[in-house]
Amino acid sequence: MEIKVGVSNRHIHLCKNDLEILFGKDYKLTKLKDLTQPGQFACNEIVTIKTEKNEISKVRIIGPIRNYTQVEISKTDSYVLGIDPPIRDSGNLKGSSAITVIGPKGSIDLKEGCIISNRHIHATKKDIKKYNLDGSKLYDVIIKGEKGGVISGVKIKVDDNYSFELHIDTDDANAHLVKSGDILELKN
């Protein structure tokens, strides 16, 4: 079966308190553009992420505000920063890597909060039924082409607010010459 891919570059999700430390009291995020997942948007605001070894500037904030602050990077980014964050599902931050986030009005030192996001598929309950999928099973995605291959162990995240789509990071995309909007094959 076919599935559209969305490629995620490094980004950060912020809680209200951390947003206000970075940008000022009562600050509101401003939308740059909507993302494919309903209600999610890339913000005009950017921050710098920093470790003892190095820093990466112009890291995009993704809205809306969340209940936690989370930095998502690629493995390649982790080499630049000199850290070894775990591969995790969004929100699973216990024991994840420490990182400093710098905004125009302040900075925050996260004791944990930096992860490499697990590749995953967004699906609704209707999608699960329509495509005969199992939300507890891991799937393979087949990539054809010059640098084709298989992305294995892909989880399904189920929520009725999702749009059916595979999310991978820039390392997975670059390894297979895949870009956002490409259509891949989900092996069922």
N, C-alpha and C. Protein backbone atom coordinates (compact mmCIF):
# COMPACT_ATOMS: atom_id res chain seq x y z
N MET A 1 0.85 -1.17 0.00
CA MET A 1 0.00 0.00 0.00
C MET A 1 0.89 1.24 0.00
N GLU A 2 0.41 2.30 -0.58
CA GLU A 2 1.17 3.53 -0.69
C GLU A 2 1.00 4.41 0.55
N ILE A 3 2.10 5.10 0.90
CA ILE A 3 2.04 6.06 2.00
C ILE A 3 2.94 7.25 1.66
N LYS A 4 2.44 8.43 1.95
CA LYS A 4 3.20 9.65 1.73
C LYS A 4 4.19 9.83 2.89
N VAL A 5 5.35 10.39 2.55
CA VAL A 5 6.38 10.59 3.57
C VAL A 5 6.50 12.08 3.92
N GLY A 6 6.74 12.33 5.19
CA GLY A 6 7.08 13.66 5.67
C GLY A 6 8.44 13.59 6.33
N VAL A 7 9.35 14.44 5.92
CA VAL A 7 10.71 14.45 6.46
C VAL A 7 10.82 15.56 7.50
N SER A 8 11.25 15.20 8.69
CA SER A 8 11.39 16.16 9.79
C SER A 8 12.84 16.55 9.98
N ASN A 9 13.11 17.83 9.85
CA ASN A 9 14.42 18.38 10.18
C ASN A 9 14.46 18.61 11.69
N ARG A 10 15.63 18.95 12.21
CA ARG A 10 15.74 19.27 13.64
C ARG A 10 14.72 20.35 13.99
N HIS A 11 14.14 20.22 15.18
CA HIS A 11 13.15 21.21 15.63
C HIS A 11 12.93 21.09 17.13
N ILE A 12 12.14 22.00 17.67
CA ILE A 12 11.86 22.00 19.10
C ILE A 12 10.39 22.27 19.34
N HIS A 13 9.85 21.59 20.35
CA HIS A 13 8.50 21.84 20.86
C HIS A 13 8.70 22.46 22.24
N LEU A 14 7.91 23.49 22.54
CA LEU A 14 8.09 24.20 23.81
C LEU A 14 6.83 24.18 24.67
N CYS A 15 7.06 24.15 25.98
CA CYS A 15 5.97 24.39 26.92
C CYS A 15 5.87 25.91 27.12
N LYS A 16 4.76 26.37 27.67
CA LYS A 16 4.49 27.81 27.83
C LYS A 16 5.57 28.49 28.67
N ASN A 17 5.93 27.89 29.78
CA ASN A 17 6.93 28.49 30.67
C ASN A 17 8.26 28.70 29.95
N ASP A 18 8.72 27.67 29.22
CA ASP A 18 10.00 27.78 28.52
C ASP A 18 9.92 28.78 27.38
N LEU A 19 8.79 28.84 26.68
CA LEU A 19 8.59 29.85 25.64
C LEU A 19 8.78 31.25 26.20
N GLU A 20 8.19 31.50 27.38
CA GLU A 20 8.29 32.83 27.99
C GLU A 20 9.70 33.14 28.47
N ILE A 21 10.45 32.15 28.91
CA ILE A 21 11.86 32.37 29.29
C ILE A 21 12.67 32.75 28.05
N LEU A 22 12.42 32.06 26.95
CA LEU A 22 13.19 32.29 25.73
C LEU A 22 12.81 33.57 24.99
N PHE A 23 11.50 33.93 25.02
CA PHE A 23 11.01 35.03 24.18
C PHE A 23 10.34 36.16 24.95
N GLY A 24 10.08 35.97 26.24
CA GLY A 24 9.47 37.03 27.03
C GLY A 24 8.07 36.68 27.51
N LYS A 25 7.66 37.33 28.59
CA LYS A 25 6.36 37.06 29.22
C LYS A 25 5.21 37.26 28.23
N ASP A 26 4.26 36.32 28.28
CA ASP A 26 3.05 36.34 27.45
C ASP A 26 3.32 36.28 25.95
N TYR A 27 4.50 35.83 25.56
CA TYR A 27 4.84 35.73 24.14
C TYR A 27 3.96 34.69 23.45
N LYS A 28 3.55 34.98 22.24
CA LYS A 28 2.73 34.06 21.43
C LYS A 28 3.51 33.70 20.17
N LEU A 29 3.55 32.41 19.86
CA LEU A 29 4.21 31.94 18.64
C LEU A 29 3.48 32.48 17.41
N THR A 30 4.24 32.74 16.35
CA THR A 30 3.63 33.19 15.09
C THR A 30 3.86 32.12 14.02
N LYS A 31 2.82 31.89 13.24
CA LYS A 31 2.84 30.81 12.26
C LYS A 31 3.57 31.21 10.98
N LEU A 32 4.53 30.37 10.59
CA LEU A 32 5.20 30.51 9.30
C LEU A 32 4.38 29.76 8.25
N LYS A 33 4.04 28.49 8.57
CA LYS A 33 3.23 27.69 7.65
C LYS A 33 2.65 26.49 8.38
N ASP A 34 1.51 26.02 7.88
CA ASP A 34 0.90 24.81 8.41
C ASP A 34 1.72 23.60 7.99
N LEU A 35 1.75 22.59 8.85
CA LEU A 35 2.38 21.32 8.52
C LEU A 35 1.29 20.33 8.10
N THR A 36 1.68 19.17 7.63
CA THR A 36 0.68 18.22 7.12
C THR A 36 -0.19 17.62 8.22
N GLN A 37 0.32 17.55 9.44
CA GLN A 37 -0.49 17.05 10.54
C GLN A 37 -1.42 18.16 11.02
N PRO A 38 -2.72 17.91 11.06
CA PRO A 38 -3.68 18.96 11.43
C PRO A 38 -3.34 19.64 12.76
N GLY A 39 -3.37 20.98 12.75
CA GLY A 39 -3.12 21.76 13.95
C GLY A 39 -1.65 22.04 14.22
N GLN A 40 -0.75 21.36 13.52
CA GLN A 40 0.69 21.55 13.72
C GLN A 40 1.19 22.60 12.74
N PHE A 41 2.12 23.45 13.18
CA PHE A 41 2.64 24.48 12.28
C PHE A 41 4.09 24.82 12.60
N ALA A 42 4.82 25.16 11.55
CA ALA A 42 6.18 25.68 11.70
C ALA A 42 6.05 27.15 12.09
N CYS A 43 6.85 27.56 13.05
CA CYS A 43 6.79 28.94 13.55
C CYS A 43 7.87 29.79 12.91
N ASN A 44 7.65 31.09 12.92
CA ASN A 44 8.67 32.02 12.49
C ASN A 44 9.84 32.03 13.46
N GLU A 45 9.57 31.71 14.71
CA GLU A 45 10.58 31.77 15.76
C GLU A 45 11.59 30.62 15.63
N ILE A 46 12.84 30.98 15.90
CA ILE A 46 13.93 30.00 15.90
C ILE A 46 14.76 30.20 17.17
N VAL A 47 15.49 29.16 17.53
CA VAL A 47 16.37 29.19 18.70
C VAL A 47 17.71 28.57 18.33
N THR A 48 18.64 28.66 19.25
CA THR A 48 19.93 27.97 19.13
C THR A 48 19.96 26.87 20.17
N ILE A 49 20.45 25.69 19.77
CA ILE A 49 20.65 24.60 20.73
C ILE A 49 22.15 24.44 20.92
N LYS A 50 22.55 24.20 22.18
CA LYS A 50 23.97 24.23 22.50
C LYS A 50 24.34 23.14 23.50
N THR A 51 25.53 22.59 23.32
CA THR A 51 26.14 21.65 24.28
C THR A 51 27.52 22.18 24.61
N GLU A 52 28.24 21.47 25.44
CA GLU A 52 29.61 21.88 25.77
C GLU A 52 30.51 21.88 24.53
N LYS A 53 30.21 21.00 23.56
CA LYS A 53 31.07 20.85 22.38
C LYS A 53 30.76 21.85 21.27
N ASN A 54 29.47 22.12 21.02
CA ASN A 54 29.12 22.90 19.84
C ASN A 54 27.70 23.43 19.95
N GLU A 55 27.26 24.14 18.93
CA GLU A 55 25.89 24.63 18.89
C GLU A 55 25.36 24.59 17.47
N ILE A 56 24.03 24.58 17.36
CA ILE A 56 23.35 24.66 16.07
C ILE A 56 22.34 25.78 16.18
N SER A 57 22.43 26.74 15.28
CA SER A 57 21.52 27.88 15.30
C SER A 57 20.36 27.66 14.33
N LYS A 58 19.40 28.54 14.40
CA LYS A 58 18.23 28.54 13.51
C LYS A 58 17.42 27.25 13.59
N VAL A 59 17.21 26.76 14.81
CA VAL A 59 16.38 25.57 15.02
C VAL A 59 14.93 26.03 15.13
N ARG A 60 14.10 25.53 14.24
CA ARG A 60 12.70 25.96 14.11
C ARG A 60 11.85 25.45 15.27
N ILE A 61 10.98 26.31 15.77
CA ILE A 61 9.99 25.91 16.77
C ILE A 61 8.76 25.40 16.02
N ILE A 62 8.20 24.31 16.53
CA ILE A 62 6.96 23.75 15.98
C ILE A 62 5.85 23.99 17.00
N GLY A 63 4.76 24.57 16.53
CA GLY A 63 3.61 24.85 17.39
C GLY A 63 2.50 23.86 17.15
N PRO A 64 1.53 23.83 18.01
CA PRO A 64 1.30 24.76 19.12
C PRO A 64 2.12 24.39 20.36
N ILE A 65 1.94 25.18 21.41
CA ILE A 65 2.60 24.93 22.69
C ILE A 65 2.22 23.53 23.19
N ARG A 66 3.17 22.86 23.81
CA ARG A 66 2.94 21.54 24.41
C ARG A 66 3.04 21.63 25.93
N ASN A 67 2.82 20.48 26.57
CA ASN A 67 2.96 20.39 28.03
C ASN A 67 4.41 20.16 28.45
N TYR A 68 5.30 19.96 27.50
CA TYR A 68 6.71 19.68 27.79
C TYR A 68 7.57 20.29 26.68
N THR A 69 8.84 20.49 26.98
CA THR A 69 9.79 20.97 25.99
C THR A 69 10.62 19.79 25.51
N GLN A 70 10.75 19.70 24.19
CA GLN A 70 11.44 18.56 23.58
C GLN A 70 12.22 19.05 22.36
N VAL A 71 13.49 18.69 22.31
CA VAL A 71 14.34 18.99 21.15
C VAL A 71 14.51 17.69 20.37
N GLU A 72 14.22 17.74 19.06
CA GLU A 72 14.38 16.57 18.19
C GLU A 72 15.48 16.86 17.17
N ILE A 73 16.49 16.00 17.17
CA ILE A 73 17.61 16.16 16.25
C ILE A 73 17.85 14.84 15.51
N SER A 74 18.74 14.86 14.53
CA SER A 74 19.15 13.64 13.83
C SER A 74 20.43 13.10 14.47
N LYS A 75 20.79 11.91 14.09
CA LYS A 75 22.06 11.34 14.58
C LYS A 75 23.23 12.19 14.10
N THR A 76 23.16 12.66 12.86
CA THR A 76 24.21 13.53 12.34
C THR A 76 24.36 14.78 13.22
N ASP A 77 23.23 15.39 13.61
CA ASP A 77 23.27 16.54 14.51
C ASP A 77 23.94 16.17 15.83
N SER A 78 23.68 14.96 16.31
CA SER A 78 24.25 14.55 17.60
C SER A 78 25.78 14.49 17.54
N TYR A 79 26.34 14.13 16.39
CA TYR A 79 27.80 14.13 16.24
C TYR A 79 28.33 15.56 16.32
N VAL A 80 27.64 16.49 15.66
CA VAL A 80 28.03 17.90 15.68
C VAL A 80 28.01 18.43 17.12
N LEU A 81 26.96 18.04 17.86
CA LEU A 81 26.77 18.54 19.23
C LEU A 81 27.57 17.76 20.28
N GLY A 82 28.08 16.58 19.91
CA GLY A 82 28.86 15.78 20.85
C GLY A 82 28.02 15.12 21.93
N ILE A 83 26.79 14.75 21.60
CA ILE A 83 25.91 14.06 22.55
C ILE A 83 25.38 12.78 21.92
N ASP A 84 24.77 11.95 22.73
CA ASP A 84 24.24 10.67 22.24
C ASP A 84 22.80 10.48 22.71
N PRO A 85 21.87 11.24 22.13
CA PRO A 85 20.48 11.14 22.58
C PRO A 85 19.86 9.80 22.18
N PRO A 86 18.93 9.31 22.98
CA PRO A 86 18.26 8.06 22.65
C PRO A 86 17.25 8.25 21.52
N ILE A 87 16.95 7.17 20.84
CA ILE A 87 15.87 7.17 19.84
C ILE A 87 14.60 6.89 20.62
N ARG A 88 13.65 7.82 20.54
CA ARG A 88 12.46 7.74 21.38
C ARG A 88 11.22 8.20 20.65
N ASP A 89 10.07 7.79 21.20
CA ASP A 89 8.80 8.37 20.78
C ASP A 89 8.69 9.75 21.39
N SER A 90 7.98 10.62 20.74
CA SER A 90 7.75 11.96 21.23
C SER A 90 7.16 11.91 22.64
N GLY A 91 7.67 12.74 23.53
CA GLY A 91 7.17 12.80 24.89
C GLY A 91 7.86 11.87 25.87
N ASN A 92 8.60 10.89 25.37
CA ASN A 92 9.32 9.95 26.23
C ASN A 92 10.72 10.52 26.48
N LEU A 93 10.83 11.39 27.49
CA LEU A 93 12.04 12.16 27.69
C LEU A 93 12.90 11.72 28.87
N LYS A 94 12.39 10.82 29.71
CA LYS A 94 13.13 10.40 30.90
C LYS A 94 14.47 9.79 30.49
N GLY A 95 15.53 10.37 31.03
CA GLY A 95 16.87 9.86 30.74
C GLY A 95 17.41 10.29 29.38
N SER A 96 16.73 11.20 28.69
CA SER A 96 17.23 11.67 27.40
C SER A 96 18.35 12.69 27.61
N SER A 97 18.93 13.16 26.54
CA SER A 97 20.12 14.01 26.63
C SER A 97 19.82 15.43 27.12
N ALA A 98 20.78 15.96 27.84
CA ALA A 98 20.73 17.36 28.28
C ALA A 98 21.12 18.26 27.13
N ILE A 99 20.55 19.47 27.11
CA ILE A 99 20.87 20.44 26.06
C ILE A 99 20.44 21.82 26.54
N THR A 100 21.13 22.84 26.07
CA THR A 100 20.77 24.22 26.36
C THR A 100 20.06 24.80 25.15
N VAL A 101 18.98 25.54 25.41
CA VAL A 101 18.23 26.20 24.35
C VAL A 101 18.33 27.71 24.59
N ILE A 102 18.73 28.45 23.56
CA ILE A 102 18.97 29.88 23.67
C ILE A 102 18.00 30.64 22.77
N GLY A 103 17.28 31.56 23.38
CA GLY A 103 16.36 32.43 22.64
C GLY A 103 16.81 33.87 22.75
N PRO A 104 16.04 34.78 22.17
CA PRO A 104 16.43 36.20 22.19
C PRO A 104 16.35 36.86 23.57
N LYS A 105 15.56 36.29 24.51
CA LYS A 105 15.38 36.92 25.82
C LYS A 105 15.96 36.11 26.98
N GLY A 106 16.37 34.87 26.71
CA GLY A 106 16.89 34.03 27.79
C GLY A 106 17.26 32.66 27.28
N SER A 107 17.66 31.80 28.21
CA SER A 107 18.03 30.43 27.85
C SER A 107 17.53 29.46 28.90
N ILE A 108 17.42 28.22 28.50
CA ILE A 108 17.01 27.15 29.42
C ILE A 108 18.01 26.01 29.31
N ASP A 109 18.38 25.44 30.45
CA ASP A 109 19.25 24.28 30.48
C ASP A 109 18.39 23.06 30.78
N LEU A 110 18.10 22.30 29.75
CA LEU A 110 17.30 21.08 29.93
C LEU A 110 18.21 19.97 30.45
N LYS A 111 17.86 19.40 31.58
CA LYS A 111 18.62 18.27 32.13
C LYS A 111 18.36 17.01 31.31
N GLU A 112 17.18 16.96 30.72
CA GLU A 112 16.80 15.92 29.76
C GLU A 112 15.78 16.54 28.82
N GLY A 113 15.68 16.02 27.61
CA GLY A 113 14.72 16.60 26.67
C GLY A 113 15.14 16.54 25.22
N CYS A 114 16.35 16.07 24.94
CA CYS A 114 16.81 15.97 23.55
C CYS A 114 16.78 14.51 23.11
N ILE A 115 16.06 14.27 22.01
CA ILE A 115 15.93 12.90 21.49
C ILE A 115 16.16 12.87 19.98
N ILE A 116 16.34 11.67 19.47
CA ILE A 116 16.21 11.38 18.04
C ILE A 116 14.85 10.72 17.93
N SER A 117 13.97 11.31 17.14
CA SER A 117 12.60 10.80 17.06
C SER A 117 12.56 9.46 16.35
N ASN A 118 11.81 8.54 16.95
CA ASN A 118 11.55 7.25 16.33
C ASN A 118 10.77 7.46 15.04
N ARG A 119 11.13 6.77 13.97
CA ARG A 119 10.32 6.84 12.75
C ARG A 119 8.94 6.28 13.07
N HIS A 120 7.93 6.88 12.47
CA HIS A 120 6.57 6.47 12.82
C HIS A 120 5.58 6.85 11.73
N ILE A 121 4.42 6.23 11.81
CA ILE A 121 3.31 6.52 10.90
C ILE A 121 2.19 7.13 11.71
N HIS A 122 1.68 8.26 11.24
CA HIS A 122 0.48 8.86 11.83
C HIS A 122 -0.73 8.24 11.14
N ALA A 123 -1.69 7.80 11.93
CA ALA A 123 -2.90 7.18 11.36
C ALA A 123 -4.08 7.42 12.29
N THR A 124 -5.26 7.49 11.69
CA THR A 124 -6.50 7.57 12.48
C THR A 124 -7.03 6.15 12.67
N LYS A 125 -8.04 6.01 13.52
CA LYS A 125 -8.69 4.69 13.68
C LYS A 125 -9.30 4.24 12.36
N LYS A 126 -9.82 5.19 11.59
CA LYS A 126 -10.38 4.85 10.26
C LYS A 126 -9.29 4.33 9.33
N ASP A 127 -8.10 4.94 9.38
CA ASP A 127 -6.97 4.46 8.56
C ASP A 127 -6.60 3.03 8.95
N ILE A 128 -6.56 2.78 10.26
CA ILE A 128 -6.21 1.44 10.76
C ILE A 128 -7.17 0.40 10.19
N LYS A 129 -8.44 0.72 10.22
CA LYS A 129 -9.46 -0.19 9.70
C LYS A 129 -9.38 -0.30 8.18
N LYS A 130 -9.31 0.83 7.52
CA LYS A 130 -9.30 0.89 6.05
C LYS A 130 -8.14 0.08 5.46
N TYR A 131 -6.95 0.21 6.06
CA TYR A 131 -5.76 -0.44 5.52
C TYR A 131 -5.41 -1.74 6.25
N ASN A 132 -6.30 -2.18 7.15
CA ASN A 132 -6.10 -3.43 7.88
C ASN A 132 -4.73 -3.45 8.60
N LEU A 133 -4.48 -2.40 9.37
CA LEU A 133 -3.23 -2.28 10.10
C LEU A 133 -3.43 -2.65 11.56
N ASP A 134 -2.34 -2.91 12.24
CA ASP A 134 -2.36 -3.25 13.65
C ASP A 134 -1.49 -2.23 14.39
N GLY A 135 -2.09 -1.42 15.23
CA GLY A 135 -1.37 -0.37 15.93
C GLY A 135 -0.27 -0.85 16.85
N SER A 136 -0.25 -2.15 17.18
CA SER A 136 0.80 -2.66 18.07
C SER A 136 1.94 -3.34 17.30
N LYS A 137 1.81 -3.40 16.00
CA LYS A 137 2.80 -4.07 15.16
C LYS A 137 3.80 -3.07 14.58
N LEU A 138 5.02 -3.53 14.29
CA LEU A 138 6.02 -2.72 13.60
C LEU A 138 5.98 -3.07 12.12
N TYR A 139 6.15 -2.06 11.27
CA TYR A 139 6.02 -2.24 9.83
C TYR A 139 7.32 -1.90 9.10
N ASP A 140 7.42 -2.41 7.87
CA ASP A 140 8.52 -2.07 6.97
C ASP A 140 7.99 -1.15 5.88
N VAL A 141 8.83 -0.21 5.48
CA VAL A 141 8.50 0.67 4.37
C VAL A 141 9.55 0.44 3.29
N ILE A 142 9.07 0.15 2.07
CA ILE A 142 9.95 -0.15 0.94
C ILE A 142 10.18 1.14 0.14
N ILE A 143 11.45 1.39 -0.15
CA ILE A 143 11.83 2.57 -0.93
C ILE A 143 12.48 2.08 -2.21
N LYS A 144 11.90 2.50 -3.33
CA LYS A 144 12.47 2.11 -4.63
C LYS A 144 13.34 3.25 -5.12
N GLY A 145 14.15 2.98 -6.11
CA GLY A 145 14.96 4.03 -6.70
C GLY A 145 16.44 3.75 -6.57
N GLU A 146 17.21 4.73 -6.98
CA GLU A 146 18.66 4.59 -7.06
C GLU A 146 19.30 4.22 -5.72
N LYS A 147 18.80 4.76 -4.61
CA LYS A 147 19.31 4.42 -3.29
C LYS A 147 18.20 3.80 -2.46
N GLY A 148 17.44 2.92 -3.08
CA GLY A 148 16.32 2.27 -2.43
C GLY A 148 16.74 1.41 -1.26
N GLY A 149 15.77 0.95 -0.54
CA GLY A 149 16.04 0.11 0.62
C GLY A 149 14.78 -0.12 1.43
N VAL A 150 14.97 -0.55 2.64
CA VAL A 150 13.85 -0.81 3.54
C VAL A 150 14.08 -0.06 4.84
N ILE A 151 13.06 0.65 5.28
CA ILE A 151 13.08 1.25 6.61
C ILE A 151 12.25 0.33 7.48
N SER A 152 12.91 -0.30 8.44
CA SER A 152 12.26 -1.32 9.26
C SER A 152 11.85 -0.78 10.62
N GLY A 153 10.96 -1.52 11.29
CA GLY A 153 10.59 -1.21 12.66
C GLY A 153 9.82 0.07 12.82
N VAL A 154 8.92 0.37 11.89
CA VAL A 154 8.16 1.60 11.92
C VAL A 154 6.89 1.41 12.75
N LYS A 155 6.75 2.24 13.78
CA LYS A 155 5.57 2.20 14.66
C LYS A 155 4.42 2.97 14.04
N ILE A 156 3.23 2.67 14.53
CA ILE A 156 2.04 3.44 14.14
C ILE A 156 1.55 4.19 15.37
N LYS A 157 1.33 5.50 15.19
CA LYS A 157 0.73 6.33 16.23
C LYS A 157 -0.70 6.60 15.79
N VAL A 158 -1.64 6.31 16.67
CA VAL A 158 -3.05 6.43 16.30
C VAL A 158 -3.71 7.57 17.06
N ASP A 159 -4.33 8.47 16.30
CA ASP A 159 -5.10 9.57 16.87
C ASP A 159 -6.04 10.07 15.78
N ASP A 160 -7.26 10.35 16.13
CA ASP A 160 -8.23 10.77 15.13
C ASP A 160 -7.97 12.15 14.57
N ASN A 161 -6.96 12.87 15.09
CA ASN A 161 -6.58 14.16 14.53
C ASN A 161 -5.41 14.07 13.56
N TYR A 162 -4.94 12.85 13.29
CA TYR A 162 -3.79 12.69 12.42
C TYR A 162 -4.18 12.62 10.95
N SER A 163 -3.18 12.86 10.12
CA SER A 163 -3.27 12.66 8.67
C SER A 163 -2.33 11.50 8.35
N PHE A 164 -2.78 10.54 7.55
CA PHE A 164 -2.03 9.32 7.25
C PHE A 164 -0.71 9.67 6.56
N GLU A 165 0.40 9.44 7.28
CA GLU A 165 1.70 9.83 6.76
C GLU A 165 2.82 9.17 7.55
N LEU A 166 3.90 8.83 6.85
CA LEU A 166 5.12 8.31 7.46
C LEU A 166 6.03 9.49 7.81
N HIS A 167 6.57 9.52 9.03
CA HIS A 167 7.52 10.56 9.42
C HIS A 167 8.89 9.92 9.65
N ILE A 168 9.88 10.47 8.95
CA ILE A 168 11.27 10.05 9.12
C ILE A 168 12.11 11.31 9.30
N ASP A 169 13.35 11.14 9.80
CA ASP A 169 14.21 12.30 9.95
C ASP A 169 15.09 12.48 8.71
N THR A 170 15.88 13.54 8.72
CA THR A 170 16.70 13.86 7.55
C THR A 170 17.76 12.79 7.27
N ASP A 171 18.26 12.11 8.28
CA ASP A 171 19.24 11.04 8.03
C ASP A 171 18.62 9.91 7.22
N ASP A 172 17.42 9.45 7.62
CA ASP A 172 16.74 8.40 6.87
C ASP A 172 16.44 8.87 5.45
N ALA A 173 15.96 10.10 5.31
CA ALA A 173 15.61 10.63 4.00
C ALA A 173 16.83 10.75 3.09
N ASN A 174 17.91 11.31 3.62
CA ASN A 174 19.11 11.49 2.81
C ASN A 174 19.73 10.16 2.40
N ALA A 175 19.68 9.17 3.27
CA ALA A 175 20.25 7.86 2.96
C ALA A 175 19.56 7.21 1.76
N HIS A 176 18.28 7.53 1.56
CA HIS A 176 17.51 6.89 0.48
C HIS A 176 17.06 7.87 -0.61
N LEU A 177 17.57 9.12 -0.57
CA LEU A 177 17.19 10.15 -1.55
C LEU A 177 15.68 10.37 -1.58
N VAL A 178 15.09 10.46 -0.38
CA VAL A 178 13.66 10.65 -0.23
C VAL A 178 13.40 12.09 0.22
N LYS A 179 12.29 12.67 -0.25
CA LYS A 179 11.91 14.01 0.20
C LYS A 179 10.45 14.02 0.61
N SER A 180 10.08 15.03 1.38
CA SER A 180 8.68 15.16 1.81
C SER A 180 7.76 15.15 0.60
N GLY A 181 6.66 14.40 0.73
CA GLY A 181 5.69 14.29 -0.35
C GLY A 181 5.88 13.08 -1.23
N ASP A 182 7.07 12.45 -1.16
CA ASP A 182 7.28 11.23 -1.95
C ASP A 182 6.32 10.14 -1.48
N ILE A 183 6.01 9.24 -2.36
CA ILE A 183 5.12 8.11 -2.04
C ILE A 183 5.97 6.85 -1.94
N LEU A 184 5.87 6.19 -0.79
CA LEU A 184 6.61 4.96 -0.54
C LEU A 184 5.63 3.82 -0.38
N GLU A 185 6.16 2.60 -0.24
CA GLU A 185 5.30 1.41 -0.11
C GLU A 185 5.34 0.88 1.33
N LEU A 186 4.18 0.86 1.96
CA LEU A 186 4.06 0.29 3.29
C LEU A 186 3.76 -1.18 3.18
N LYS A 187 4.62 -2.01 3.70
CA LYS A 187 4.46 -3.47 3.63
C LYS A 187 3.55 -3.91 4.75
N ASN A 188 2.43 -4.52 4.40
CA ASN A 188 1.47 -4.98 5.40
C ASN A 188 1.51 -6.49 5.54
